Amino acid sequence: MAPDADAGKASGNRSDPFAPLTSQLLPVGDGHEIYVETVGRADGIPAVYLHGGPGSGCQPDHRRLFDPERFHAVLFDQRGAGRSRPKGRFEHNTLPHLIADMERIREKFGFERWMIVGGSWGATLALAYAQAHPDRVTGIALRATFLGTRAELEAAFLDALPRFYPDLSNDFLELLPPEERAQPLDAYWRRILDSDPAVHGPAAHAWGDTERILSGHVSGRVRLDPHSPDSTRALPVTPFMEAHYFQNNCFMRPGQLLAEASKLAGIPAIIVQGRYDLLCPPSMSHALAAVWAGSEVRSVEGAGHQLYDPGVRDAVMKAIADLASKITR
């Protein structure tokens, strides 16, 4: 939903409890404007939702993770993503910029502290923000822990992919020239960020399709389209922002989030983890919990990476509700 002339003002449709209370484009500097909306009740428990990707943007159903009778939740599209402008812009788009944007949003709504909710890349941003501003966080609900490291990306695309989808792995590699297959992740990111559509188009489609197959516990498609180099499908947006962030190690030092986990001490957390998540496996959630006093991991059996795998969405909603009860106590 694009912001309209009433952006920033109260919504007139209160028959839907999940309709936005407010929506607006918020200038954050450097030529960026980010789309921000709020849902719930103005005097509710402050919370913020962080979408994945990087680059995917928030969806209307994400509002429904928060009980509108309990929460005053903020959802926003990160720089260059979703309804934020300019769409797809890489300049002045780093992890520190996103953390600063969150602080600007928190201050705008007058929240002294708020609950952070995020999954996958949203979990990365949640952890990085909380380590930068632990005094501003009441609790954290994570899904599918991604710590933003190259090792995790290699584990997903160079280990899990050939282990569980060998034919798909061959498709993924064969799109690259033979001389580029020794370092396929770097080759893909370089190609996705190439200005030539003949180069970035096939690479973006292949990366996006492969990631989508890996993310689902049950996938209806297990091979790349052999005609994808000539595809007329609209280009997916997320691979471009992912390539920008991943090529730059997510703008963090190696192992930063685990190394600085002590800064999270005392912040209650619930980590929802799909048992068969190939992109963000259970080992990462448990590694985080092992160094984070006050956190717990809740496994969802028969689920992979996606929020909409069986049981995952319900587990996330329960985690948010349980944290709210701790906070209000």
Protein backbone atom coordinates (compact mmCIF):
# COMPACT_ATOMS: atom_id res chain seq x y z
CA MET A 1 0.00 0.00 0.00
CA ALA A 2 1.56 3.25 -1.09
CA PRO A 3 1.36 6.21 1.29
CA ASP A 4 -1.42 8.61 0.41
CA ALA A 5 -2.24 12.22 1.19
CA ASP A 6 -3.08 11.27 4.79
CA ALA A 7 0.26 9.57 5.43
CA GLY A 8 1.25 10.01 9.04
CA LYS A 9 -2.34 10.56 10.17
CA ALA A 10 -4.71 8.10 11.80
CA SER A 11 -6.41 5.59 9.53
CA GLY A 12 -10.14 5.96 9.13
CA ASN A 13 -10.75 2.22 8.79
CA ARG A 14 -10.93 0.95 12.36
CA SER A 15 -13.39 -1.82 11.52
CA ASP A 16 -10.26 -3.84 10.75
CA PRO A 17 -8.22 -4.13 13.97
CA PHE A 18 -5.10 -4.73 11.88
CA ALA A 19 -5.50 -1.66 9.68
CA PRO A 20 -2.62 0.79 10.12
CA LEU A 21 -3.08 3.47 12.75
CA THR A 22 -0.62 5.63 10.80
CA SER A 23 1.47 5.33 7.66
CA GLN A 24 4.06 7.64 6.19
CA LEU A 25 7.32 8.07 4.35
CA LEU A 26 9.90 9.17 6.91
CA PRO A 27 12.98 11.08 5.65
CA VAL A 28 16.10 9.58 7.25
CA GLY A 29 18.79 11.51 5.40
CA ASP A 30 21.15 10.66 2.54
CA GLY A 31 18.24 10.92 0.11
CA HIS A 32 16.41 7.97 1.69
CA GLU A 33 12.77 7.91 2.80
CA ILE A 34 11.53 4.83 4.64
CA TYR A 35 7.96 3.61 4.75
CA VAL A 36 6.69 3.32 8.33
CA GLU A 37 3.31 2.17 9.62
CA THR A 38 1.88 1.47 13.07
CA VAL A 39 -0.82 -0.96 14.17
CA GLY A 40 -2.66 -1.84 17.36
CA ARG A 41 -3.45 0.70 20.07
CA ALA A 42 -1.61 3.94 20.76
CA ASP A 43 -1.16 3.09 24.45
CA GLY A 44 -0.11 -0.52 23.81
CA ILE A 45 3.20 -2.27 24.43
CA PRO A 46 5.78 -0.73 22.06
CA ALA A 47 7.22 -3.17 19.52
CA VAL A 48 8.94 -3.11 16.14
CA TYR A 49 8.97 -5.74 13.39
CA LEU A 50 12.07 -6.25 11.23
CA HIS A 51 11.60 -7.91 7.86
CA GLY A 52 14.02 -10.29 6.21
CA GLY A 53 16.15 -10.25 3.11
CA PRO A 54 17.84 -7.87 3.32
CA GLY A 55 15.56 -6.19 0.84
CA SER A 56 12.24 -8.03 1.08
CA GLY A 57 9.98 -5.48 2.82
CA CYS A 58 7.04 -5.90 5.21
CA GLN A 59 3.77 -7.59 4.25
CA PRO A 60 0.23 -6.89 5.54
CA ASP A 61 0.11 -10.25 7.32
CA HIS A 62 3.08 -9.27 9.46
CA ARG A 63 0.73 -6.91 11.31
CA ARG A 64 -1.22 -9.92 12.52
CA LEU A 65 1.69 -11.23 14.53
CA PHE A 66 0.82 -8.61 17.15
CA ASP A 67 -2.35 -8.70 19.27
CA PRO A 68 -3.95 -5.31 18.47
CA GLU A 69 -5.41 -5.13 21.98
CA ARG A 70 -1.97 -5.39 23.59
CA PHE A 71 0.56 -3.80 21.25
CA HIS A 72 1.51 -0.56 19.59
CA ALA A 73 3.64 -2.12 16.85
CA VAL A 74 5.76 -0.37 14.23
CA LEU A 75 6.51 -2.02 10.89
CA PHE A 76 8.86 -0.41 8.38
CA ASP A 77 10.51 -1.18 5.06
CA GLN A 78 14.28 -0.88 5.41
CA ARG A 79 16.30 1.40 3.14
CA GLY A 80 15.85 0.52 -0.51
CA ALA A 81 13.21 -2.16 0.24
CA GLY A 82 9.45 -2.45 -0.20
CA ARG A 83 7.74 0.94 -0.30
CA SER A 84 10.80 2.88 0.83
CA ARG A 85 12.45 5.24 -1.63
CA PRO A 86 14.58 5.18 -3.71
CA LYS A 87 13.84 1.52 -4.26
CA GLY A 88 16.92 -0.68 -4.49
CA ARG A 89 19.39 2.07 -3.67
CA PHE A 90 22.73 0.84 -2.26
CA GLU A 91 24.33 4.18 -1.43
CA HIS A 92 24.20 5.02 2.30
CA ASN A 93 22.62 1.62 2.88
CA THR A 94 24.55 -0.32 5.53
CA LEU A 95 23.80 -2.05 8.82
CA PRO A 96 24.79 1.04 10.86
CA HIS A 97 22.39 3.11 8.73
CA LEU A 98 19.52 0.69 9.49
CA ILE A 99 20.30 0.80 13.22
CA ALA A 100 20.26 4.60 13.11
CA ASP A 101 16.92 4.51 11.26
CA MET A 102 15.45 2.37 14.04
CA GLU A 103 16.54 4.90 16.63
CA ARG A 104 14.97 7.69 14.59
CA ILE A 105 11.70 5.75 14.45
CA ARG A 106 11.77 4.95 18.17
CA GLU A 107 12.31 8.59 19.04
CA LYS A 108 9.62 9.73 16.61
CA PHE A 109 6.96 7.66 18.39
CA GLY A 110 8.24 8.57 21.85
CA PHE A 111 9.06 5.01 22.90
CA GLU A 112 11.56 4.84 25.73
CA ARG A 113 12.02 1.10 25.11
CA TRP A 114 10.45 -1.42 22.76
CA MET A 115 10.26 -5.12 21.94
CA ILE A 116 12.18 -6.25 18.85
CA VAL A 117 10.77 -8.95 16.56
CA GLY A 118 12.61 -10.27 13.51
CA GLY A 119 13.38 -13.37 11.49
CA SER A 120 16.34 -14.42 9.32
CA TRP A 121 17.97 -11.11 8.23
CA GLY A 122 15.47 -9.44 10.58
CA ALA A 123 17.10 -11.44 13.38
CA THR A 124 20.52 -10.14 12.31
CA LEU A 125 19.31 -6.55 12.47
CA ALA A 126 17.50 -7.18 15.77
CA LEU A 127 20.68 -8.50 17.40
CA ALA A 128 22.88 -5.74 15.98
CA TYR A 129 20.45 -3.05 17.16
CA ALA A 130 20.09 -4.59 20.63
CA GLN A 131 23.87 -4.81 21.04
CA ALA A 132 24.18 -1.15 20.03
CA HIS A 133 21.27 0.01 22.23
CA PRO A 134 20.58 -2.63 24.91
CA ASP A 135 18.97 -0.06 27.21
CA ARG A 136 16.26 0.54 24.58
CA VAL A 137 15.11 -3.09 24.34
CA THR A 138 12.48 -4.76 26.53
CA GLY A 139 12.64 -8.20 24.89
CA ILE A 140 13.49 -9.92 21.62
CA ALA A 141 11.56 -12.53 19.63
CA LEU A 142 13.62 -14.11 16.86
CA ARG A 143 12.85 -16.63 14.14
CA ALA A 144 15.58 -18.46 12.21
CA THR A 145 18.79 -17.01 13.61
CA PHE A 146 21.11 -15.56 10.96
CA LEU A 147 24.29 -14.04 12.38
CA GLY A 148 25.31 -12.37 9.13
CA THR A 149 28.49 -14.39 8.51
CA ARG A 150 29.98 -15.73 5.31
CA ALA A 151 30.34 -19.12 6.99
CA GLU A 152 26.55 -19.39 7.27
CA LEU A 153 26.09 -18.53 3.59
CA GLU A 154 28.70 -21.08 2.58
CA ALA A 155 27.03 -23.69 4.79
CA ALA A 156 23.70 -23.07 3.06
CA PHE A 157 24.76 -22.76 -0.58
CA LEU A 158 27.92 -24.86 -0.67
CA ASP A 159 27.09 -27.59 1.86
CA ALA A 160 23.33 -27.96 2.44
CA LEU A 161 22.47 -27.28 -1.20
CA PRO A 162 24.54 -30.13 -2.74
CA ARG A 163 23.77 -32.38 0.23
CA PHE A 164 19.97 -32.13 -0.03
CA TYR A 165 19.45 -30.92 -3.62
CA PRO A 166 22.36 -32.22 -5.72
CA ASP A 167 20.59 -31.60 -9.05
CA LEU A 168 19.69 -28.06 -8.00
CA SER A 169 23.29 -27.50 -6.89
CA ASN A 170 24.49 -28.54 -10.34
CA ASP A 171 22.01 -26.13 -11.94
CA PHE A 172 23.21 -23.37 -9.61
CA LEU A 173 26.87 -23.91 -10.51
CA GLU A 174 26.37 -24.53 -14.22
CA LEU A 175 24.90 -21.08 -14.71
CA LEU A 176 28.42 -19.78 -14.02
CA PRO A 177 31.34 -20.09 -16.44
CA PRO A 178 33.73 -22.91 -15.40
CA GLU A 179 36.42 -20.47 -14.30
CA GLU A 180 34.03 -18.84 -11.78
CA ARG A 181 32.76 -22.01 -10.11
CA ALA A 182 35.58 -22.27 -7.56
CA GLN A 183 34.15 -19.25 -5.70
CA PRO A 184 30.47 -19.37 -6.65
CA LEU A 185 29.13 -17.02 -3.98
CA ASP A 186 31.49 -14.22 -4.96
CA ALA A 187 30.73 -14.89 -8.62
CA TYR A 188 26.98 -14.66 -8.05
CA TRP A 189 27.19 -11.47 -6.02
CA ARG A 190 29.51 -9.89 -8.60
CA ARG A 191 27.16 -10.86 -11.43
CA ILE A 192 24.00 -9.72 -9.61
CA LEU A 193 25.58 -6.29 -9.04
CA ASP A 194 26.77 -6.00 -12.66
CA SER A 195 25.04 -3.17 -14.53
CA ASP A 196 24.45 -5.32 -17.65
CA PRO A 197 20.95 -6.91 -17.59
CA ALA A 198 22.30 -9.84 -19.60
CA VAL A 199 24.63 -10.56 -16.69
CA HIS A 200 22.60 -9.65 -13.61
CA GLY A 201 19.23 -10.97 -14.84
CA PRO A 202 20.03 -14.69 -15.02
CA ALA A 203 22.11 -14.52 -11.83
CA ALA A 204 19.37 -12.78 -9.84
CA HIS A 205 16.74 -15.27 -10.99
CA ALA A 206 18.96 -18.26 -10.18
CA TRP A 207 19.96 -16.92 -6.76
CA GLY A 208 16.38 -16.03 -5.83
CA ASP A 209 14.93 -19.35 -7.00
CA THR A 210 17.64 -21.39 -5.25
CA GLU A 211 17.17 -19.49 -2.00
CA ARG A 212 13.39 -19.95 -2.22
CA ILE A 213 13.72 -23.72 -2.65
CA LEU A 214 16.15 -23.96 0.27
CA SER A 215 13.81 -21.93 2.49
CA GLY A 216 10.82 -24.27 2.32
CA HIS A 217 10.57 -27.55 4.18
CA VAL A 218 8.47 -28.93 1.31
CA SER A 219 9.08 -27.40 -2.10
CA GLY A 220 7.00 -27.95 -5.19
CA ARG A 221 10.01 -27.16 -7.35
CA VAL A 222 13.50 -28.59 -6.95
CA ARG A 223 15.33 -27.51 -10.14
CA LEU A 224 16.15 -24.21 -11.79
CA ASP A 225 14.34 -23.28 -14.97
CA PRO A 226 16.70 -24.26 -17.82
CA HIS A 227 15.40 -21.23 -19.71
CA SER A 228 16.06 -18.78 -16.85
CA PRO A 229 18.87 -16.98 -18.76
CA ASP A 230 16.20 -15.92 -21.24
CA SER A 231 13.46 -15.42 -18.64
CA THR A 232 10.93 -12.64 -19.17
CA ARG A 233 9.82 -12.85 -15.53
CA ALA A 234 10.09 -9.68 -13.49
CA LEU A 235 13.42 -9.51 -11.73
CA PRO A 236 13.28 -10.36 -8.01
CA VAL A 237 14.33 -7.44 -5.83
CA THR A 238 15.86 -9.17 -2.83
CA PRO A 239 18.92 -10.79 -4.54
CA PHE A 240 20.29 -7.34 -5.37
CA MET A 241 20.16 -6.05 -1.80
CA GLU A 242 21.43 -9.39 -0.51
CA ALA A 243 24.40 -9.25 -2.89
CA HIS A 244 25.19 -5.72 -1.71
CA TYR A 245 25.13 -6.73 1.96
CA PHE A 246 26.71 -10.16 1.61
CA GLN A 247 29.56 -8.87 -0.54
CA ASN A 248 30.32 -6.48 2.33
CA ASN A 249 30.04 -9.11 5.10
CA CYS A 250 26.79 -7.44 6.22
CA PHE A 251 28.93 -4.48 7.33
CA MET A 252 30.12 -6.31 10.46
CA ARG A 253 33.33 -7.78 11.75
CA PRO A 254 33.57 -11.59 11.41
CA GLY A 255 31.69 -13.21 14.28
CA GLN A 256 30.62 -9.86 15.69
CA LEU A 257 27.15 -10.81 16.94
CA LEU A 258 28.30 -13.87 18.88
CA ALA A 259 31.37 -12.08 20.22
CA GLU A 260 29.27 -9.25 21.61
CA ALA A 261 26.38 -11.37 22.92
CA SER A 262 27.28 -10.39 26.50
CA LYS A 263 25.73 -6.99 25.75
CA LEU A 264 22.35 -8.76 25.56
CA ALA A 265 22.54 -10.10 29.13
CA GLY A 266 19.31 -9.44 30.97
CA ILE A 267 17.21 -8.97 27.85
CA PRO A 268 14.59 -11.76 27.72
CA ALA A 269 14.47 -13.58 24.39
CA ILE A 270 12.63 -16.40 22.69
CA ILE A 271 14.15 -17.89 19.53
CA VAL A 272 11.77 -19.83 17.28
CA GLN A 273 13.65 -22.37 15.18
CA GLY A 274 12.44 -24.68 12.42
CA ARG A 275 13.98 -28.11 12.93
CA TYR A 276 14.82 -28.56 9.23
CA ASP A 277 15.85 -25.02 8.33
CA LEU A 278 18.57 -25.33 5.67
CA LEU A 279 19.31 -21.61 5.46
CA CYS A 280 19.50 -20.86 9.19
CA PRO A 281 19.98 -24.25 10.87
CA PRO A 282 19.25 -24.96 14.55
CA SER A 283 22.96 -24.94 15.39
CA MET A 284 23.06 -21.16 15.00
CA SER A 285 20.11 -20.53 17.32
CA HIS A 286 21.63 -22.83 19.94
CA ALA A 287 25.07 -21.23 19.58
CA LEU A 288 23.48 -17.86 20.26
CA ALA A 289 21.43 -19.11 23.20
CA ALA A 290 24.54 -20.69 24.74
CA VAL A 291 26.15 -17.27 25.17
CA TRP A 292 22.99 -15.26 25.89
CA ALA A 293 21.71 -15.52 29.43
CA GLY A 294 17.94 -15.08 29.47
CA SER A 295 17.26 -16.60 26.05
CA GLU A 296 15.50 -19.83 25.12
CA VAL A 297 15.11 -21.78 21.89
CA ARG A 298 11.72 -23.17 20.88
CA SER A 299 11.99 -25.74 18.10
CA VAL A 300 9.20 -26.29 15.60
CA GLU A 301 9.19 -29.86 14.33
CA GLY A 302 8.44 -30.50 10.66
CA ALA A 303 9.31 -26.93 9.67
CA GLY A 304 12.01 -25.28 7.62
CA HIS A 305 12.96 -21.63 7.26
CA GLN A 306 9.75 -19.93 6.25
CA LEU A 307 7.40 -18.06 8.56
CA TYR A 308 4.54 -19.93 6.92
CA ASP A 309 5.91 -23.44 7.34
CA PRO A 310 3.55 -25.46 9.57
CA GLY A 311 3.61 -24.28 13.15
CA VAL A 312 6.16 -21.50 12.74
CA ARG A 313 3.82 -18.50 12.57
CA ASP A 314 1.85 -19.72 15.61
CA ALA A 315 5.11 -20.25 17.52
CA VAL A 316 6.26 -16.71 16.70
CA MET A 317 2.94 -15.24 17.83
CA LYS A 318 3.13 -17.20 21.09
CA ALA A 319 6.71 -16.04 21.63
CA ILE A 320 5.65 -12.42 21.18
CA ALA A 321 2.72 -12.86 23.56
CA ASP A 322 4.84 -14.65 26.17
CA LEU A 323 7.48 -11.91 26.07
CA ALA A 324 4.76 -9.30 26.45
CA SER A 325 3.57 -11.00 29.62
CA LYS A 326 7.12 -10.98 31.01
CA ILE A 327 7.52 -7.32 30.17
CA THR A 328 4.24 -6.23 31.74
CA ARG A 329 4.96 -8.24 34.89
